[in-house]
Structures are given as C-alpha cells and as structure tokens.
C-alpha atoms as a PDB file:
ATOM      1  CA  MET A   1     175.489   0.886 -10.323  1.00  0.00           C
ATOM      2  CA  TYR A   2     177.063  -0.121 -13.640  1.00  0.00           C
ATOM      3  CA  LEU A   3     174.898  -3.222 -14.035  1.00  0.00           C
ATOM      4  CA  ARG A   4     171.603  -1.539 -13.123  1.00  0.00           C
ATOM      5  CA  LEU A   5     171.968   1.918 -14.661  1.00  0.00           C
ATOM      6  CA  ILE A   6     174.922   2.418 -16.977  1.00  0.00           C
ATOM      7  CA  LYS A   7     175.028  -0.917 -18.834  1.00  0.00           C
ATOM      8  CA  PRO A   8     171.362  -0.797 -20.019  1.00  0.00           C
ATOM      9  CA  GLY A   9     171.803   2.764 -21.300  1.00  0.00           C
ATOM     10  CA  LEU A  10     175.040   1.898 -23.091  1.00  0.00           C
ATOM     11  CA  ASP A  11     173.412  -1.186 -24.593  1.00  0.00           C
ATOM     12  CA  ILE A  12     170.563   0.845 -26.077  1.00  0.00           C
ATOM     13  CA  LEU A  13     172.900   3.544 -27.375  1.00  0.00           C
ATOM     14  CA  LEU A  14     175.331   1.045 -28.945  1.00  0.00           C
ATOM     15  CA  ALA A  15     172.513  -1.016 -30.477  1.00  0.00           C
ATOM     16  CA  PHE A  16     170.882   2.061 -32.004  1.00  0.00           C
ATOM     17  CA  VAL A  17     174.163   3.362 -33.453  1.00  0.00           C
ATOM     18  CA  ALA A  18     175.066  -0.104 -34.763  1.00  0.00           C
ATOM     19  CA  LEU A  19     171.666  -0.534 -36.429  1.00  0.00           C
ATOM     20  CA  VAL A  20     171.951   2.839 -38.149  1.00  0.00           C
ATOM     21  CA  CYS A  21     175.525   2.209 -39.313  1.00  0.00           C
ATOM     22  CA  LEU A  22     174.847  -1.378 -40.364  1.00  0.00           C
ATOM     23  CA  SER A  23     171.464  -0.767 -42.023  1.00  0.00           C
ATOM     24  CA  PRO A  24     172.912  -1.257 -45.544  1.00  0.00           C
ATOM     25  CA  VAL A  25     174.351  -4.640 -44.466  1.00  0.00           C
ATOM     26  CA  LEU A  26     171.016  -5.630 -42.914  1.00  0.00           C
ATOM     27  CA  PHE A  27     169.153  -4.656 -46.090  1.00  0.00           C
ATOM     28  CA  VAL A  28     171.522  -6.479 -48.467  1.00  0.00           C
ATOM     29  CA  THR A  29     171.452  -9.574 -46.256  1.00  0.00           C
ATOM     30  CA  ALA A  30     167.656  -9.639 -46.155  1.00  0.00           C
ATOM     31  CA  VAL A  31     167.444  -9.287 -49.935  1.00  0.00           C
ATOM     32  CA  ALA A  32     170.066 -12.024 -50.491  1.00  0.00           C
ATOM     33  CA  ILE A  33     168.170 -14.439 -48.237  1.00  0.00           C
ATOM     34  CA  MET A  34     164.895 -13.699 -50.041  1.00  0.00           C
ATOM     35  CA  ILE A  35     166.464 -14.220 -53.462  1.00  0.00           C
ATOM     36  CA  GLU A  36     168.056 -17.538 -52.528  1.00  0.00           C
ATOM     37  CA  ASP A  37     165.417 -19.165 -50.326  1.00  0.00           C
ATOM     38  CA  GLY A  38     162.393 -16.860 -50.063  1.00  0.00           C
ATOM     39  CA  ARG A  39     160.708 -15.604 -46.944  1.00  0.00           C
ATOM     40  CA  PRO A  40     160.960 -15.360 -44.009  1.00  0.00           C
ATOM     41  CA  VAL A  41     164.373 -13.706 -43.810  1.00  0.00           C
ATOM     42  CA  LEU A  42     164.407 -13.794 -40.032  1.00  0.00           C
ATOM     43  CA  PHE A  43     164.613 -16.827 -37.815  1.00  0.00           C
ATOM     44  CA  VAL A  44     162.549 -16.079 -34.706  1.00  0.00           C
ATOM     45  CA  HIS A  45     162.837 -18.562 -31.894  1.00  0.00           C
ATOM     46  CA  GLU A  46     162.036 -18.793 -28.196  1.00  0.00           C
ATOM     47  CA  ARG A  47     165.172 -18.673 -26.035  1.00  0.00           C
ATOM     48  CA  ALA A  48     165.877 -18.455 -22.337  1.00  0.00           C
ATOM     49  CA  GLY A  49     166.452 -14.928 -21.117  1.00  0.00           C
ATOM     50  CA  ARG A  50     167.030 -13.446 -17.691  1.00  0.00           C
ATOM     51  CA  ALA A  51     166.010 -15.863 -14.937  1.00  0.00           C
ATOM     52  CA  GLY A  52     165.166 -18.459 -17.591  1.00  0.00           C
ATOM     53  CA  LYS A  53     162.163 -16.463 -18.808  1.00  0.00           C
ATOM     54  CA  GLY A  54     161.491 -17.087 -22.503  1.00  0.00           C
ATOM     55  CA  PHE A  55     161.768 -14.400 -25.162  1.00  0.00           C
ATOM     56  CA  LYS A  56     161.814 -14.359 -28.966  1.00  0.00           C
ATOM     57  CA  ILE A  57     165.328 -13.992 -30.373  1.00  0.00           C
ATOM     58  CA  PHE A  58     165.862 -12.555 -33.865  1.00  0.00           C
ATOM     59  CA  LYS A  59     168.485 -13.887 -36.268  1.00  0.00           C
ATOM     60  CA  PHE A  60     168.886 -13.877 -40.018  1.00  0.00           C
ATOM     61  CA  ARG A  61     167.822 -17.254 -41.356  1.00  0.00           C
ATOM     62  CA  SER A  62     170.882 -19.183 -42.505  1.00  0.00           C
ATOM     63  CA  MET A  63     169.347 -22.634 -42.964  1.00  0.00           C
ATOM     64  CA  ALA A  64     166.949 -23.836 -45.605  1.00  0.00           C
ATOM     65  CA  LYS A  65     163.266 -23.425 -44.834  1.00  0.00           C
ATOM     66  CA  GLY A  66     161.898 -26.226 -42.685  1.00  0.00           C
ATOM     67  CA  SER A  67     165.203 -27.072 -40.974  1.00  0.00           C
ATOM     68  CA  ALA A  68     165.069 -28.497 -37.473  1.00  0.00           C
ATOM     69  CA  ILE A  69     165.952 -26.336 -34.472  1.00  0.00           C
ATOM     70  CA  VAL A  70     169.095 -27.677 -32.821  1.00  0.00           C
ATOM     71  CA  GLU A  71     171.948 -26.477 -30.628  1.00  0.00           C
ATOM     72  CA  SER A  72     174.626 -24.584 -32.568  1.00  0.00           C
ATOM     73  CA  ALA A  73     177.079 -27.474 -32.151  1.00  0.00           C
ATOM     74  CA  GLN A  74     174.699 -29.689 -34.165  1.00  0.00           C
ATOM     75  CA  ALA A  75     174.001 -27.143 -36.911  1.00  0.00           C
ATOM     76  CA  ALA A  76     176.602 -28.726 -39.206  1.00  0.00           C
ATOM     77  CA  THR A  77     174.215 -31.651 -39.678  1.00  0.00           C
ATOM     78  CA  LEU A  78     171.603 -29.385 -41.311  1.00  0.00           C
ATOM     79  CA  ARG A  79     171.459 -27.746 -44.721  1.00  0.00           C
ATOM     80  CA  VAL A  80     172.908 -24.257 -44.561  1.00  0.00           C
ATOM     81  CA  THR A  81     172.140 -22.123 -47.601  1.00  0.00           C
ATOM     82  CA  ARG A  82     174.931 -20.468 -49.609  1.00  0.00           C
ATOM     83  CA  VAL A  83     173.971 -17.070 -48.225  1.00  0.00           C
ATOM     84  CA  GLY A  84     173.672 -18.675 -44.798  1.00  0.00           C
ATOM     85  CA  ALA A  85     177.249 -19.954 -44.966  1.00  0.00           C
ATOM     86  CA  VAL A  86     178.514 -16.445 -45.695  1.00  0.00           C
ATOM     87  CA  ILE A  87     176.469 -14.686 -43.046  1.00  0.00           C
ATOM     88  CA  ARG A  88     177.443 -17.300 -40.458  1.00  0.00           C
ATOM     89  CA  ARG A  89     181.112 -16.937 -41.396  1.00  0.00           C
ATOM     90  CA  LEU A  90     180.867 -13.173 -40.890  1.00  0.00           C
ATOM     91  CA  ASN A  91     178.439 -13.460 -37.934  1.00  0.00           C
ATOM     92  CA  ILE A  92     175.984 -11.248 -39.794  1.00  0.00           C
ATOM     93  CA  ASP A  93     173.225 -13.699 -38.844  1.00  0.00           C
ATOM     94  CA  GLU A  94     173.451 -12.356 -35.281  1.00  0.00           C
ATOM     95  CA  LEU A  95     172.887  -8.669 -36.169  1.00  0.00           C
ATOM     96  CA  PRO A  96     169.069  -8.692 -35.811  1.00  0.00           C
ATOM     97  CA  GLN A  97     169.663  -9.362 -32.111  1.00  0.00           C
ATOM     98  CA  LEU A  98     170.416  -5.639 -31.883  1.00  0.00           C
ATOM     99  CA  PHE A  99     166.616  -5.250 -31.965  1.00  0.00           C
ATOM    100  CA  ASN A 100     166.441  -7.579 -28.938  1.00  0.00           C
ATOM    101  CA  VAL A 101     168.884  -5.220 -27.212  1.00  0.00           C
ATOM    102  CA  LEU A 102     166.678  -2.217 -28.010  1.00  0.00           C
ATOM    103  CA  ARG A 103     163.729  -4.130 -26.548  1.00  0.00           C
ATOM    104  CA  GLN A 104     165.874  -4.743 -23.424  1.00  0.00           C
ATOM    105  CA  GLU A 105     165.560  -8.517 -23.799  1.00  0.00           C
ATOM    106  CA  MET A 106     169.293  -8.841 -24.422  1.00  0.00           C
ATOM    107  CA  SER A 107     172.519  -7.009 -23.728  1.00  0.00           C
ATOM    108  CA  ILE A 108     175.517  -6.456 -25.971  1.00  0.00           C
ATOM    109  CA  VAL A 109     177.614  -8.562 -23.549  1.00  0.00           C
ATOM    110  CA  GLY A 110     176.305 -11.411 -21.413  1.00  0.00           C
ATOM    111  CA  PRO A 111     175.776 -15.166 -21.440  1.00  0.00           C
ATOM    112  CA  ARG A 112     174.465 -16.386 -24.815  1.00  0.00           C
ATOM    113  CA  PRO A 113     170.754 -17.195 -24.656  1.00  0.00           C
ATOM    114  CA  GLY A 114     170.294 -20.944 -24.559  1.00  0.00           C
ATOM    115  CA  LEU A 115     167.480 -23.036 -25.912  1.00  0.00           C
ATOM    116  CA  LEU A 116     164.690 -23.526 -23.404  1.00  0.00           C
ATOM    117  CA  THR A 117     165.450 -27.252 -23.525  1.00  0.00           C
ATOM    118  CA  GLN A 118     169.021 -26.763 -22.251  1.00  0.00           C
ATOM    119  CA  THR A 119     167.947 -27.238 -18.650  1.00  0.00           C
ATOM    120  CA  ASP A 120     171.405 -28.378 -17.540  1.00  0.00           C
ATOM    121  CA  LEU A 121     172.949 -25.105 -18.761  1.00  0.00           C
ATOM    122  CA  HIS A 122     170.215 -23.053 -17.066  1.00  0.00           C
ATOM    123  CA  ALA A 123     170.685 -24.886 -13.768  1.00  0.00           C
ATOM    124  CA  LEU A 124     174.452 -24.273 -13.791  1.00  0.00           C
ATOM    125  CA  ARG A 125     173.940 -20.589 -14.601  1.00  0.00           C
ATOM    126  CA  GLN A 126     171.318 -20.221 -11.898  1.00  0.00           C
ATOM    127  CA  ALA A 127     173.628 -21.739  -9.279  1.00  0.00           C
ATOM    128  CA  CYS A 128     176.181 -18.949  -9.738  1.00  0.00           C
ATOM    129  CA  GLY A 129     173.902 -16.009 -10.533  1.00  0.00           C
ATOM    130  CA  ALA A 130     174.648 -15.832 -14.267  1.00  0.00           C
ATOM    131  CA  SER A 131     170.970 -16.379 -15.028  1.00  0.00           C
ATOM    132  CA  ASP A 132     170.238 -13.034 -13.320  1.00  0.00           C
ATOM    133  CA  LEU A 133     171.935 -11.263 -16.244  1.00  0.00           C
ATOM    134  CA  LEU A 134     170.399 -10.395 -19.577  1.00  0.00           C
ATOM    135  CA  PRO A 135     171.701 -12.727 -22.274  1.00  0.00           C
ATOM    136  CA  GLY A 136     174.223 -11.168 -24.630  1.00  0.00           C
ATOM    137  CA  ILE A 137     175.005 -11.000 -28.310  1.00  0.00           C
ATOM    138  CA  THR A 138     178.558 -11.800 -27.284  1.00  0.00           C
ATOM    139  CA  GLY A 139     180.089 -12.995 -24.059  1.00  0.00           C
ATOM    140  CA  LEU A 140     183.099 -14.443 -22.341  1.00  0.00           C
ATOM    141  CA  ALA A 141     182.328 -18.009 -23.494  1.00  0.00           C
ATOM    142  CA  GLN A 142     182.043 -16.827 -27.125  1.00  0.00           C
ATOM    143  CA  VAL A 143     185.491 -15.277 -27.180  1.00  0.00           C
ATOM    144  CA  LYS A 144     186.882 -18.456 -25.606  1.00  0.00           C
ATOM    145  CA  SER A 145     185.698 -20.639 -28.540  1.00  0.00           C
ATOM    146  CA  TYR A 146     182.051 -21.348 -27.719  1.00  0.00           C
ATOM    147  CA  GLU A 147     181.566 -23.901 -30.518  1.00  0.00           C
ATOM    148  CA  GLY A 148     182.381 -27.403 -29.342  1.00  0.00           C
ATOM    149  CA  MET A 149     182.615 -26.299 -25.705  1.00  0.00           C
ATOM    150  CA  THR A 150     180.952 -28.474 -23.085  1.00  0.00           C
ATOM    151  CA  THR A 151     177.878 -27.214 -21.277  1.00  0.00           C
ATOM    152  CA  LYS A 152     179.864 -27.067 -18.039  1.00  0.00           C
ATOM    153  CA  ALA A 153     182.635 -25.006 -19.661  1.00  0.00           C
ATOM    154  CA  LYS A 154     180.091 -22.540 -21.109  1.00  0.00           C
ATOM    155  CA  ALA A 155     178.443 -22.186 -17.705  1.00  0.00           C
ATOM    156  CA  ASP A 156     181.827 -21.732 -15.991  1.00  0.00           C
ATOM    157  CA  PHE A 157     182.687 -18.828 -18.310  1.00  0.00           C
ATOM    158  CA  ASP A 158     179.215 -17.344 -17.783  1.00  0.00           C
ATOM    159  CA  CYS A 159     179.713 -17.627 -14.012  1.00  0.00           C
ATOM    160  CA  ASP A 160     183.131 -15.953 -14.256  1.00  0.00           C
ATOM    161  CA  TYR A 161     181.532 -13.108 -16.197  1.00  0.00           C
ATOM    162  CA  ALA A 162     178.681 -12.762 -13.696  1.00  0.00           C
ATOM    163  CA  LYS A 163     181.228 -12.311 -10.902  1.00  0.00           C
ATOM    164  CA  SER A 164     183.222  -9.657 -12.773  1.00  0.00           C
ATOM    165  CA  VAL A 165     180.690  -7.557 -14.705  1.00  0.00           C
ATOM    166  CA  SER A 166     182.111  -4.076 -15.229  1.00  0.00           C
ATOM    167  CA  PHE A 167     182.520  -1.500 -17.954  1.00  0.00           C
ATOM    168  CA  PHE A 168     186.116  -2.583 -18.525  1.00  0.00           C
ATOM    169  CA  THR A 169     185.192  -6.265 -18.647  1.00  0.00           C
ATOM    170  CA  ASP A 170     182.522  -5.515 -21.251  1.00  0.00           C
ATOM    171  CA  VAL A 171     184.916  -3.418 -23.346  1.00  0.00           C
ATOM    172  CA  LYS A 172     187.512  -6.194 -23.205  1.00  0.00           C
ATOM    173  CA  ILE A 173     184.952  -8.791 -24.340  1.00  0.00           C
ATOM    174  CA  ILE A 174     183.708  -6.564 -27.174  1.00  0.00           C
ATOM    175  CA  LEU A 175     187.269  -6.018 -28.402  1.00  0.00           C
ATOM    176  CA  SER A 176     187.989  -9.747 -28.064  1.00  0.00           C
ATOM    177  CA  THR A 177     184.859 -10.450 -30.117  1.00  0.00           C
ATOM    178  CA  PHE A 178     186.270  -8.478 -33.040  1.00  0.00           C
ATOM    179  CA  LEU A 179     189.499 -10.493 -32.780  1.00  0.00           C
ATOM    180  CA  TYR A 180     187.444 -13.697 -32.620  1.00  0.00           C
ATOM    181  CA  PHE A 181     185.866 -12.782 -35.982  1.00  0.00           C
ATOM    182  CA  LEU A 182     189.320 -12.996 -37.553  1.00  0.00           C
ATOM    183  CA  LYS A 183     189.720 -16.640 -36.520  1.00  0.00           C
ATOM    184  CA  ARG A 184     188.967 -19.301 -39.101  1.00  0.00           C
ATOM    185  CA  PRO A 185     185.433 -20.570 -38.348  1.00  0.00           C
ATOM    186  CA  PRO A 186     184.247 -24.151 -38.372  1.00  0.00           C
ATOM    187  CA  THR A 187     182.917 -25.316 -41.725  1.00  0.00           C
ATOM    188  CA  TYR A 188     179.247 -26.188 -42.016  1.00  0.00           C
END
C-alpha cells in the first residue's frame, strides 16, 4: 500500500513544498549559470526510469557548454564551471529533478537513474526488482558513497532498498542524505 498509494502522494507533496521553499535558490542558481556561461541553464538528458523506460531528467548545468555526457565517476575529466563547482558541492544541481518528481517520472527516494548505456546496471537492477521502482533524487547507494562505487555495489544497494521500501526506510535515507551533504565532496 505504501509503495502504490502513499509514496507517490508524499513525493508530490514534498516536491511541491521544496520547490516553493527553494525557489529563491533555483532563481539565483539559474541567473549565476547564465551570467557565467550563458544558456541553457538546465541540462536535460535521457535517463533510464522505471523498467528501463527512458525519460528526460532535469539538472542545473554545471559543465561548460558542449561538454561530453559521461557517468558521474568520469565527470572530473571534464571542465566544470566555477558556478558548477559550487552547485555540485552543495548538490544544488540536482534540485530541478523536483520537477521530474512532480511529473511522476522520479521519486524523492529510489535508485538513481542511470544512463541508458549502463546496460550492466539495468540488468542487475532488473534481476532483483529494483528496476520496478521509480528512480530517486536520493537513494541508499547515494548515502553509502555513490561516487567511485562499482556498478555491482550500486545495484546491490538498490536491490536492498527494493526489498525494504517503507515510509521509515525513506525517512531514514532522506535524513542520511542531509548528513551526506556535510561530508567533504570529491574535487572536480
């Protein structure tokens, strides 16, 4: 019942409240990106959603225009703008995904949406049922140090989450996400 009825309603409510409360941050970020590197301010990219179905994910653009699209672990090899470095450090680049939550393409908590080319990750998630979940802005793998993690380790955490989805699990992951923000991030 939680997964089918309560979680989607909570996701929409939390995303709406967060967007209203964070609208000044979203505005300032968009303006800062435009001043430093012009338009577009959003990075829109096709990602794998529920059951591997593609959807367009929204993020603030943190890399210079024309940068290649790579897995997050390889992002250090690309040119991140000054504004991009700050918004990545504070995870502000992820905030536009709240619109994906309102569109019911994503959840607040779930497996992170992979690139469509990450077929090995999708296969591992499918084997345990994690691909049946909406992808999340945050998830169990993220709070366990997602960056630098092997594909198998990411999938294992996603599978663990898929087996234990509950209101309390989601609350614990959300609270852990805030603690994760306090950790020193990798440098780009």
